[in-house]
Amino acid sequence: MKAREVKRLKLVERYAAKRAALKEAGDYAGLAKLPRNSNPIRLHNRCKLTGRPKGYMRLFGISRIQFREMASKGLIPGVKKASW
């Protein structure tokens, strides 16, 4: 899944300028001919450590489960265990 996300990110970067030009011109038929995965909407945030798509914490770039494990080990500075 991680490799698929990397592939999508590369496609988004490659077609960004072309997509913007077609959108500005109003050429929706041309937009439809572009690869589906070149649309930035198809990108999905995933945990950098596990690849988990759900429970993603954007500030840290990891899932809530990995955040919790790292915080309880003391690997994330400034985070104290409350009552979880």
N, C-alpha and C. Protein backbone atom coordinates (compact mmCIF):
# COMPACT_ATOMS: atom_id res chain seq x y z
N MET A 1 0.83 -1.19 0.00
CA MET A 1 0.00 0.00 0.00
C MET A 1 0.87 1.26 0.00
N LYS A 2 1.98 1.20 0.72
CA LYS A 2 2.86 2.36 0.75
C LYS A 2 3.41 2.66 -0.64
N ALA A 3 3.78 1.60 -1.36
CA ALA A 3 4.31 1.78 -2.71
C ALA A 3 3.26 2.38 -3.63
N ARG A 4 2.01 1.97 -3.46
CA ARG A 4 0.93 2.51 -4.27
C ARG A 4 0.75 4.01 -4.01
N GLU A 5 0.87 4.40 -2.76
CA GLU A 5 0.74 5.83 -2.41
C GLU A 5 1.89 6.64 -3.01
N VAL A 6 3.09 6.08 -3.00
CA VAL A 6 4.24 6.76 -3.60
C VAL A 6 4.03 6.94 -5.10
N LYS A 7 3.49 5.90 -5.74
CA LYS A 7 3.22 5.97 -7.18
C LYS A 7 2.19 7.06 -7.47
N ARG A 8 1.14 7.13 -6.65
CA ARG A 8 0.12 8.16 -6.84
C ARG A 8 0.70 9.55 -6.65
N LEU A 9 1.56 9.71 -5.65
CA LEU A 9 2.17 11.01 -5.38
C LEU A 9 3.00 11.47 -6.57
N LYS A 10 3.75 10.54 -7.17
CA LYS A 10 4.54 10.89 -8.35
C LYS A 10 3.66 11.31 -9.52
N LEU A 11 2.54 10.59 -9.71
CA LEU A 11 1.61 10.95 -10.79
C LEU A 11 0.99 12.32 -10.57
N VAL A 12 0.64 12.62 -9.32
CA VAL A 12 0.06 13.92 -9.00
C VAL A 12 1.05 15.03 -9.32
N GLU A 13 2.31 14.83 -8.94
CA GLU A 13 3.33 15.84 -9.21
C GLU A 13 3.59 16.00 -10.70
N ARG A 14 3.58 14.89 -11.42
CA ARG A 14 3.87 14.93 -12.86
C ARG A 14 2.78 15.68 -13.64
N TYR A 15 1.51 15.47 -13.27
CA TYR A 15 0.41 16.04 -14.03
C TYR A 15 -0.18 17.31 -13.41
N ALA A 16 0.42 17.85 -12.37
CA ALA A 16 -0.15 19.01 -11.67
C ALA A 16 -0.28 20.23 -12.60
N ALA A 17 0.76 20.54 -13.34
CA ALA A 17 0.73 21.71 -14.22
C ALA A 17 -0.29 21.52 -15.35
N LYS A 18 -0.30 20.34 -15.94
CA LYS A 18 -1.23 20.05 -17.04
C LYS A 18 -2.67 20.10 -16.53
N ARG A 19 -2.90 19.54 -15.33
CA ARG A 19 -4.23 19.52 -14.73
C ARG A 19 -4.70 20.96 -14.47
N ALA A 20 -3.81 21.82 -13.96
CA ALA A 20 -4.17 23.20 -13.66
C ALA A 20 -4.52 23.96 -14.95
N ALA A 21 -3.74 23.72 -16.02
CA ALA A 21 -4.00 24.40 -17.30
C ALA A 21 -5.34 23.96 -17.89
N LEU A 22 -5.62 22.67 -17.83
CA LEU A 22 -6.90 22.17 -18.37
C LEU A 22 -8.07 22.69 -17.56
N LYS A 23 -7.89 22.76 -16.25
CA LYS A 23 -8.96 23.24 -15.39
C LYS A 23 -9.25 24.72 -15.64
N GLU A 24 -8.18 25.49 -15.83
CA GLU A 24 -8.33 26.93 -16.10
C GLU A 24 -9.02 27.15 -17.43
N ALA A 25 -8.71 26.32 -18.41
CA ALA A 25 -9.32 26.45 -19.74
C ALA A 25 -10.75 25.90 -19.76
N GLY A 26 -11.11 25.14 -18.75
CA GLY A 26 -12.46 24.57 -18.71
C GLY A 26 -12.60 23.33 -19.58
N ASP A 27 -11.49 22.71 -19.92
CA ASP A 27 -11.50 21.52 -20.79
C ASP A 27 -11.68 20.27 -19.93
N TYR A 28 -12.92 19.94 -19.62
CA TYR A 28 -13.19 18.81 -18.75
C TYR A 28 -13.05 17.47 -19.48
N ALA A 29 -13.16 17.50 -20.78
CA ALA A 29 -12.92 16.28 -21.56
C ALA A 29 -11.44 15.92 -21.50
N GLY A 30 -10.60 16.93 -21.56
CA GLY A 30 -9.15 16.70 -21.43
C GLY A 30 -8.77 16.22 -20.04
N LEU A 31 -9.45 16.74 -19.02
CA LEU A 31 -9.20 16.29 -17.65
C LEU A 31 -9.59 14.82 -17.49
N ALA A 32 -10.66 14.42 -18.15
CA ALA A 32 -11.12 13.04 -18.04
C ALA A 32 -10.15 12.06 -18.68
N LYS A 33 -9.34 12.54 -19.62
CA LYS A 33 -8.38 11.67 -20.30
C LYS A 33 -7.11 11.45 -19.49
N LEU A 34 -6.88 12.29 -18.47
CA LEU A 34 -5.70 12.12 -17.62
C LEU A 34 -5.87 10.86 -16.75
N PRO A 35 -4.77 10.28 -16.29
CA PRO A 35 -4.90 9.12 -15.41
C PRO A 35 -5.67 9.45 -14.14
N ARG A 36 -6.48 8.54 -13.69
CA ARG A 36 -7.29 8.79 -12.49
C ARG A 36 -6.44 9.07 -11.26
N ASN A 37 -5.34 8.34 -11.14
CA ASN A 37 -4.50 8.50 -9.96
C ASN A 37 -3.67 9.78 -9.98
N SER A 38 -3.80 10.59 -11.02
CA SER A 38 -3.09 11.86 -11.05
C SER A 38 -3.89 12.96 -10.35
N ASN A 39 -5.09 12.61 -9.90
CA ASN A 39 -5.91 13.57 -9.17
C ASN A 39 -5.47 13.60 -7.71
N PRO A 40 -5.18 14.78 -7.13
CA PRO A 40 -4.70 14.84 -5.74
C PRO A 40 -5.72 14.36 -4.72
N ILE A 41 -6.99 14.27 -5.10
CA ILE A 41 -8.02 13.78 -4.19
C ILE A 41 -7.76 12.31 -3.83
N ARG A 42 -7.12 11.58 -4.72
CA ARG A 42 -6.90 10.16 -4.50
C ARG A 42 -5.77 9.87 -3.52
N LEU A 43 -5.00 10.89 -3.13
CA LEU A 43 -3.94 10.67 -2.15
C LEU A 43 -4.56 10.43 -0.77
N HIS A 44 -3.95 9.58 0.00
CA HIS A 44 -4.46 9.24 1.31
C HIS A 44 -3.32 9.31 2.31
N ASN A 45 -3.56 9.97 3.44
CA ASN A 45 -2.53 10.03 4.47
C ASN A 45 -2.38 8.66 5.12
N ARG A 46 -1.13 8.24 5.27
CA ARG A 46 -0.84 6.96 5.91
C ARG A 46 0.26 7.14 6.93
N CYS A 47 0.24 6.29 7.95
CA CYS A 47 1.26 6.29 8.99
C CYS A 47 2.62 6.01 8.35
N LYS A 48 3.63 6.79 8.71
CA LYS A 48 4.96 6.61 8.14
C LYS A 48 5.61 5.32 8.62
N LEU A 49 5.20 4.82 9.77
CA LEU A 49 5.82 3.62 10.34
C LEU A 49 5.11 2.35 9.92
N THR A 50 3.78 2.33 9.96
CA THR A 50 3.04 1.10 9.70
C THR A 50 2.26 1.11 8.41
N GLY A 51 1.94 2.28 7.86
CA GLY A 51 1.14 2.37 6.64
C GLY A 51 -0.34 2.36 6.92
N ARG A 52 -0.73 2.46 8.19
CA ARG A 52 -2.15 2.42 8.58
C ARG A 52 -2.85 3.69 8.08
N PRO A 53 -3.99 3.56 7.38
CA PRO A 53 -4.65 4.73 6.83
C PRO A 53 -5.58 5.44 7.81
N LYS A 54 -6.04 4.74 8.83
CA LYS A 54 -7.02 5.34 9.74
C LYS A 54 -6.34 5.82 11.02
N GLY A 55 -6.92 6.83 11.63
CA GLY A 55 -6.38 7.35 12.88
C GLY A 55 -5.08 8.09 12.66
N TYR A 56 -4.92 8.74 11.51
CA TYR A 56 -3.69 9.44 11.15
C TYR A 56 -3.63 10.78 11.84
N MET A 57 -2.51 11.09 12.49
CA MET A 57 -2.30 12.38 13.14
C MET A 57 -1.36 13.19 12.27
N ARG A 58 -1.90 14.19 11.60
CA ARG A 58 -1.18 14.95 10.60
C ARG A 58 0.04 15.68 11.17
N LEU A 59 -0.07 16.16 12.40
CA LEU A 59 1.02 16.91 13.02
C LEU A 59 2.27 16.04 13.18
N PHE A 60 2.08 14.76 13.48
CA PHE A 60 3.20 13.86 13.71
C PHE A 60 3.49 12.95 12.52
N GLY A 61 2.52 12.75 11.64
CA GLY A 61 2.71 11.90 10.47
C GLY A 61 2.61 10.41 10.79
N ILE A 62 2.01 10.10 11.93
CA ILE A 62 1.88 8.70 12.34
C ILE A 62 0.44 8.44 12.80
N SER A 63 0.11 7.16 12.96
CA SER A 63 -1.24 6.81 13.40
C SER A 63 -1.36 7.00 14.91
N ARG A 64 -2.58 7.01 15.38
CA ARG A 64 -2.83 7.23 16.81
C ARG A 64 -2.24 6.10 17.66
N ILE A 65 -2.21 4.89 17.12
CA ILE A 65 -1.68 3.76 17.86
C ILE A 65 -0.17 3.89 18.03
N GLN A 66 0.53 4.25 16.95
CA GLN A 66 1.97 4.45 17.04
C GLN A 66 2.30 5.64 17.93
N PHE A 67 1.48 6.68 17.86
CA PHE A 67 1.69 7.84 18.73
C PHE A 67 1.60 7.44 20.19
N ARG A 68 0.61 6.65 20.49
CA ARG A 68 0.41 6.21 21.87
C ARG A 68 1.56 5.35 22.38
N GLU A 69 2.02 4.42 21.54
CA GLU A 69 3.15 3.57 21.92
C GLU A 69 4.42 4.39 22.12
N MET A 70 4.68 5.33 21.21
CA MET A 70 5.88 6.14 21.31
C MET A 70 5.82 7.09 22.50
N ALA A 71 4.63 7.62 22.79
CA ALA A 71 4.48 8.53 23.92
C ALA A 71 4.69 7.79 25.24
N SER A 72 4.19 6.57 25.35
CA SER A 72 4.36 5.83 26.60
C SER A 72 5.80 5.36 26.80
N LYS A 73 6.57 5.24 25.70
CA LYS A 73 7.99 4.90 25.81
C LYS A 73 8.85 6.14 26.06
N GLY A 74 8.23 7.34 25.95
CA GLY A 74 8.96 8.58 26.15
C GLY A 74 9.71 9.05 24.93
N LEU A 75 9.34 8.59 23.76
CA LEU A 75 10.04 8.96 22.53
C LEU A 75 9.55 10.29 21.94
N ILE A 76 8.41 10.77 22.40
CA ILE A 76 7.87 12.03 21.91
C ILE A 76 8.00 13.05 23.05
N PRO A 77 8.86 14.06 22.89
CA PRO A 77 9.07 15.00 23.99
C PRO A 77 7.86 15.89 24.24
N GLY A 78 7.59 16.17 25.48
CA GLY A 78 6.51 17.07 25.86
C GLY A 78 5.16 16.40 26.00
N VAL A 79 5.08 15.09 25.81
CA VAL A 79 3.81 14.39 25.91
C VAL A 79 3.83 13.55 27.19
N LYS A 80 2.85 13.77 28.04
CA LYS A 80 2.75 13.01 29.27
C LYS A 80 1.54 12.10 29.20
N LYS A 81 1.65 10.95 29.78
CA LYS A 81 0.54 10.02 29.82
C LYS A 81 -0.49 10.53 30.81
N ALA A 82 -1.70 10.75 30.33
CA ALA A 82 -2.77 11.24 31.20
C ALA A 82 -3.53 10.03 31.73
N SER A 83 -4.71 9.79 31.24
CA SER A 83 -5.48 8.64 31.69
C SER A 83 -6.01 7.88 30.50
N TRP A 84 -5.14 7.26 29.80
CA TRP A 84 -5.57 6.47 28.65
C TRP A 84 -5.31 5.06 28.97
